[in-house]
Structures are given as structure tokens and as C-alpha cells.
Amino acid sequence: MTTFALRKGVSLLSVFYFTAMAWKLKYRCKACGYEADVYEGRGLFRQQITPMSCPDCKSVQNIVVGGIIADVAPSYRSEVGRLCLNCGSDNIRIWDMKTCPKCQAEMEPTGEKEFWT
């Protein structure tokens, strides 16, 4: 269990807010320019977002896994059995964060990042 010693003027809410935040990163294909957002870390409700590659619609779709929602909806506990959010295909796989789903060329981080909760 993690404990915090708060300094004067620092609220427990602000400590929770900054420890629960994570990064959203943008990836871009070097060849065709396709872009995908990737979420690192866990959100405010302990969920993580997993990028999934769909060979049917040739896209990267982000699905919510775990967290509070998984406590009430067991299908959210893992990536197994999930469907593509774009086309409904059950052919999705965890994206390797390297291969462009459109043209199979290399994708790389653009350096753009922002907080998400």
C-alpha cells in the first residue's frame, strides 16, 4: 500500500489527480500518414486502454480493459473475445505499435502527447 505525506497547501485530491493521469501518444505511419492514438498508463477509474489492430477495416481501435467497469462487466477484464469498434470484426489483435494497419509500413511516435484520465 502506498502512503503519501502531504505538504502544506497540497490537497489529497490533487495528489490523486496527478497519480491517476496517464499519457495519450500519437503514432504516425512513415509511408501513408495513417495516425493512431495510444494510451499509456491507467485512467482515473483504474482502466487501461489497449490499442487493437483490425485487419478487416485496417485500423487501430482502442478498447477499455479492466478498472471499475470490469468489476461489473466481466467481458471488460481482458482483450479476449472483444470486437473491433469500427467494423465489428472479431479478428482484432493487440497492436504491436510498429506496423501500420493500412499499408504494413513502420509507424513511429510523433512526439505529441497529452494527459488523459
C-alpha atoms as a PDB file:
ATOM      1  CA  MET A   1       0.000   0.000   0.000  1.00  0.00           C
ATOM      2  CA  THR A   2       1.327   3.433  -0.961  1.00  0.00           C
ATOM      3  CA  THR A   3       1.206   6.241   1.578  1.00  0.00           C
ATOM      4  CA  PHE A   4       1.630   9.932   0.938  1.00  0.00           C
ATOM      5  CA  ALA A   5       2.972  12.680   3.168  1.00  0.00           C
ATOM      6  CA  LEU A   6       1.227  15.867   2.089  1.00  0.00           C
ATOM      7  CA  ARG A   7       2.972  19.212   2.201  1.00  0.00           C
ATOM      8  CA  LYS A   8       1.135  22.259   3.472  1.00  0.00           C
ATOM      9  CA  GLY A   9      -1.149  23.571   0.733  1.00  0.00           C
ATOM     10  CA  VAL A  10      -1.301  20.255  -1.187  1.00  0.00           C
ATOM     11  CA  SER A  11      -4.673  18.530  -1.140  1.00  0.00           C
ATOM     12  CA  LEU A  12      -5.210  14.786  -1.239  1.00  0.00           C
ATOM     13  CA  LEU A  13      -7.425  15.316  -4.298  1.00  0.00           C
ATOM     14  CA  SER A  14      -4.566  16.943  -6.223  1.00  0.00           C
ATOM     15  CA  VAL A  15      -2.236  14.055  -5.316  1.00  0.00           C
ATOM     16  CA  PHE A  16      -4.842  11.544  -6.547  1.00  0.00           C
ATOM     17  CA  TYR A  17      -5.470  13.554  -9.711  1.00  0.00           C
ATOM     18  CA  PHE A  18      -1.818  13.632 -10.744  1.00  0.00           C
ATOM     19  CA  THR A  19      -1.114   9.992  -9.873  1.00  0.00           C
ATOM     20  CA  ALA A  20      -4.174   8.740 -11.775  1.00  0.00           C
ATOM     21  CA  MET A  21      -3.334  10.550 -15.001  1.00  0.00           C
ATOM     22  CA  ALA A  22      -1.567   8.937 -17.879  1.00  0.00           C
ATOM     23  CA  TRP A  23      -0.360   9.848 -21.369  1.00  0.00           C
ATOM     24  CA  LYS A  24      -2.042   9.766 -24.765  1.00  0.00           C
ATOM     25  CA  LEU A  25       0.582   9.453 -27.509  1.00  0.00           C
ATOM     26  CA  LYS A  26       0.166   9.878 -31.253  1.00  0.00           C
ATOM     27  CA  TYR A  27       1.732   7.448 -33.746  1.00  0.00           C
ATOM     28  CA  ARG A  28       2.066   8.145 -37.488  1.00  0.00           C
ATOM     29  CA  CYS A  29       2.931   5.882 -40.415  1.00  0.00           C
ATOM     30  CA  LYS A  30       6.100   6.924 -42.224  1.00  0.00           C
ATOM     31  CA  ALA A  31       4.716   5.766 -45.588  1.00  0.00           C
ATOM     32  CA  CYS A  32       1.000   6.616 -45.764  1.00  0.00           C
ATOM     33  CA  GLY A  33       0.492   9.086 -42.890  1.00  0.00           C
ATOM     34  CA  TYR A  34      -2.104   6.987 -41.017  1.00  0.00           C
ATOM     35  CA  GLU A  35      -2.359   8.140 -37.381  1.00  0.00           C
ATOM     36  CA  ALA A  36      -3.352   6.326 -34.209  1.00  0.00           C
ATOM     37  CA  ASP A  37      -3.626   7.400 -30.582  1.00  0.00           C
ATOM     38  CA  VAL A  38      -2.116   5.146 -27.916  1.00  0.00           C
ATOM     39  CA  TYR A  39      -2.922   5.458 -24.227  1.00  0.00           C
ATOM     40  CA  GLU A  40      -0.219   4.700 -21.649  1.00  0.00           C
ATOM     41  CA  GLY A  41      -0.890   4.015 -18.003  1.00  0.00           C
ATOM     42  CA  ARG A  42      -4.187   3.720 -16.189  1.00  0.00           C
ATOM     43  CA  GLY A  43      -7.080   6.122 -16.085  1.00  0.00           C
ATOM     44  CA  LEU A  44      -8.905   7.647 -13.172  1.00  0.00           C
ATOM     45  CA  PHE A  45     -11.019   4.515 -12.651  1.00  0.00           C
ATOM     46  CA  ARG A  46      -8.023   2.135 -12.937  1.00  0.00           C
ATOM     47  CA  GLN A  47      -8.846   1.231 -16.538  1.00  0.00           C
ATOM     48  CA  GLN A  48      -6.238   0.815 -19.206  1.00  0.00           C
ATOM     49  CA  ILE A  49      -6.800   1.324 -22.899  1.00  0.00           C
ATOM     50  CA  THR A  50      -5.367  -1.288 -25.247  1.00  0.00           C
ATOM     51  CA  PRO A  51      -4.733  -0.495 -28.932  1.00  0.00           C
ATOM     52  CA  MET A  52      -6.097  -3.284 -31.133  1.00  0.00           C
ATOM     53  CA  SER A  53      -5.313  -3.757 -34.815  1.00  0.00           C
ATOM     54  CA  CYS A  54      -8.124  -4.840 -37.121  1.00  0.00           C
ATOM     55  CA  PRO A  55      -7.071  -6.456 -40.416  1.00  0.00           C
ATOM     56  CA  ASP A  56     -10.635  -6.230 -41.766  1.00  0.00           C
ATOM     57  CA  CYS A  57     -11.107  -2.445 -41.633  1.00  0.00           C
ATOM     58  CA  LYS A  58      -7.354  -1.751 -41.461  1.00  0.00           C
ATOM     59  CA  SER A  59      -7.494   0.455 -38.376  1.00  0.00           C
ATOM     60  CA  VAL A  60      -6.261   0.711 -34.810  1.00  0.00           C
ATOM     61  CA  GLN A  61      -9.102   0.775 -32.298  1.00  0.00           C
ATOM     62  CA  ASN A  62      -8.649   1.451 -28.587  1.00  0.00           C
ATOM     63  CA  ILE A  63     -10.616  -0.700 -26.165  1.00  0.00           C
ATOM     64  CA  VAL A  64     -11.114  -0.222 -22.436  1.00  0.00           C
ATOM     65  CA  VAL A  65      -9.795  -3.062 -20.280  1.00  0.00           C
ATOM     66  CA  GLY A  66     -10.078  -3.509 -16.545  1.00  0.00           C
ATOM     67  CA  GLY A  67     -10.794  -0.906 -13.949  1.00  0.00           C
ATOM     68  CA  ILE A  68     -14.091  -0.312 -12.233  1.00  0.00           C
ATOM     69  CA  ILE A  69     -16.112  -1.258 -15.326  1.00  0.00           C
ATOM     70  CA  ALA A  70     -14.580  -4.767 -15.256  1.00  0.00           C
ATOM     71  CA  ASP A  71     -15.897  -5.214 -11.726  1.00  0.00           C
ATOM     72  CA  VAL A  72     -19.468  -5.097 -13.066  1.00  0.00           C
ATOM     73  CA  ALA A  73     -18.948  -6.220 -16.679  1.00  0.00           C
ATOM     74  CA  PRO A  74     -16.658  -9.303 -16.762  1.00  0.00           C
ATOM     75  CA  SER A  75     -16.200  -9.066 -20.553  1.00  0.00           C
ATOM     76  CA  TYR A  76     -14.086  -5.940 -19.950  1.00  0.00           C
ATOM     77  CA  ARG A  77     -11.488  -7.841 -17.902  1.00  0.00           C
ATOM     78  CA  SER A  78      -9.345  -8.712 -20.936  1.00  0.00           C
ATOM     79  CA  GLU A  79      -8.947  -8.258 -24.687  1.00  0.00           C
ATOM     80  CA  VAL A  80     -10.180 -11.823 -25.365  1.00  0.00           C
ATOM     81  CA  GLY A  81     -13.461 -12.032 -27.255  1.00  0.00           C
ATOM     82  CA  ARG A  82     -13.697  -8.302 -27.963  1.00  0.00           C
ATOM     83  CA  LEU A  83     -14.875  -6.839 -31.266  1.00  0.00           C
ATOM     84  CA  CYS A  84     -13.496  -4.044 -33.442  1.00  0.00           C
ATOM     85  CA  LEU A  85     -15.238  -0.806 -32.510  1.00  0.00           C
ATOM     86  CA  ASN A  86     -15.176   0.346 -36.134  1.00  0.00           C
ATOM     87  CA  CYS A  87     -16.447  -2.668 -38.113  1.00  0.00           C
ATOM     88  CA  GLY A  88     -17.497  -5.277 -35.519  1.00  0.00           C
ATOM     89  CA  SER A  89     -14.920  -7.850 -36.616  1.00  0.00           C
ATOM     90  CA  ASP A  90     -13.770 -10.466 -34.107  1.00  0.00           C
ATOM     91  CA  ASN A  91     -10.420 -10.648 -35.952  1.00  0.00           C
ATOM     92  CA  ILE A  92      -8.735  -7.969 -33.839  1.00  0.00           C
ATOM     93  CA  ARG A  93      -5.344  -8.472 -32.198  1.00  0.00           C
ATOM     94  CA  ILE A  94      -3.282  -6.380 -29.799  1.00  0.00           C
ATOM     95  CA  TRP A  95      -1.420  -3.874 -31.958  1.00  0.00           C
ATOM     96  CA  ASP A  96       2.384  -4.212 -31.975  1.00  0.00           C
ATOM     97  CA  MET A  97       2.726  -0.389 -32.024  1.00  0.00           C
ATOM     98  CA  LYS A  98       5.023  -0.658 -35.038  1.00  0.00           C
ATOM     99  CA  THR A  99       3.078  -1.904 -38.065  1.00  0.00           C
ATOM    100  CA  CYS A 100       0.674   0.372 -39.928  1.00  0.00           C
ATOM    101  CA  PRO A 101      -2.705  -1.377 -40.277  1.00  0.00           C
ATOM    102  CA  LYS A 102      -3.328   0.373 -43.613  1.00  0.00           C
ATOM    103  CA  CYS A 103      -0.092  -0.286 -45.552  1.00  0.00           C
ATOM    104  CA  GLN A 104       2.055  -2.513 -43.267  1.00  0.00           C
ATOM    105  CA  ALA A 105       4.885   0.075 -43.198  1.00  0.00           C
ATOM    106  CA  GLU A 106       6.502   1.297 -39.977  1.00  0.00           C
ATOM    107  CA  MET A 107       4.716   3.620 -37.581  1.00  0.00           C
ATOM    108  CA  GLU A 108       6.507   5.756 -35.026  1.00  0.00           C
ATOM    109  CA  PRO A 109       5.613   8.137 -32.203  1.00  0.00           C
ATOM    110  CA  THR A 110       5.240  11.751 -33.350  1.00  0.00           C
ATOM    111  CA  GLY A 111       6.320  13.176 -30.011  1.00  0.00           C
ATOM    112  CA  GLU A 112       2.858  14.638 -29.395  1.00  0.00           C
ATOM    113  CA  LYS A 113       1.491  13.694 -26.002  1.00  0.00           C
ATOM    114  CA  GLU A 114      -1.191  14.866 -23.648  1.00  0.00           C
ATOM    115  CA  PHE A 115      -2.705  13.816 -20.357  1.00  0.00           C
ATOM    116  CA  TRP A 116      -5.761  11.599 -20.213  1.00  0.00           C
ATOM    117  CA  THR A 117      -7.703  10.357 -17.233  1.00  0.00           C
END
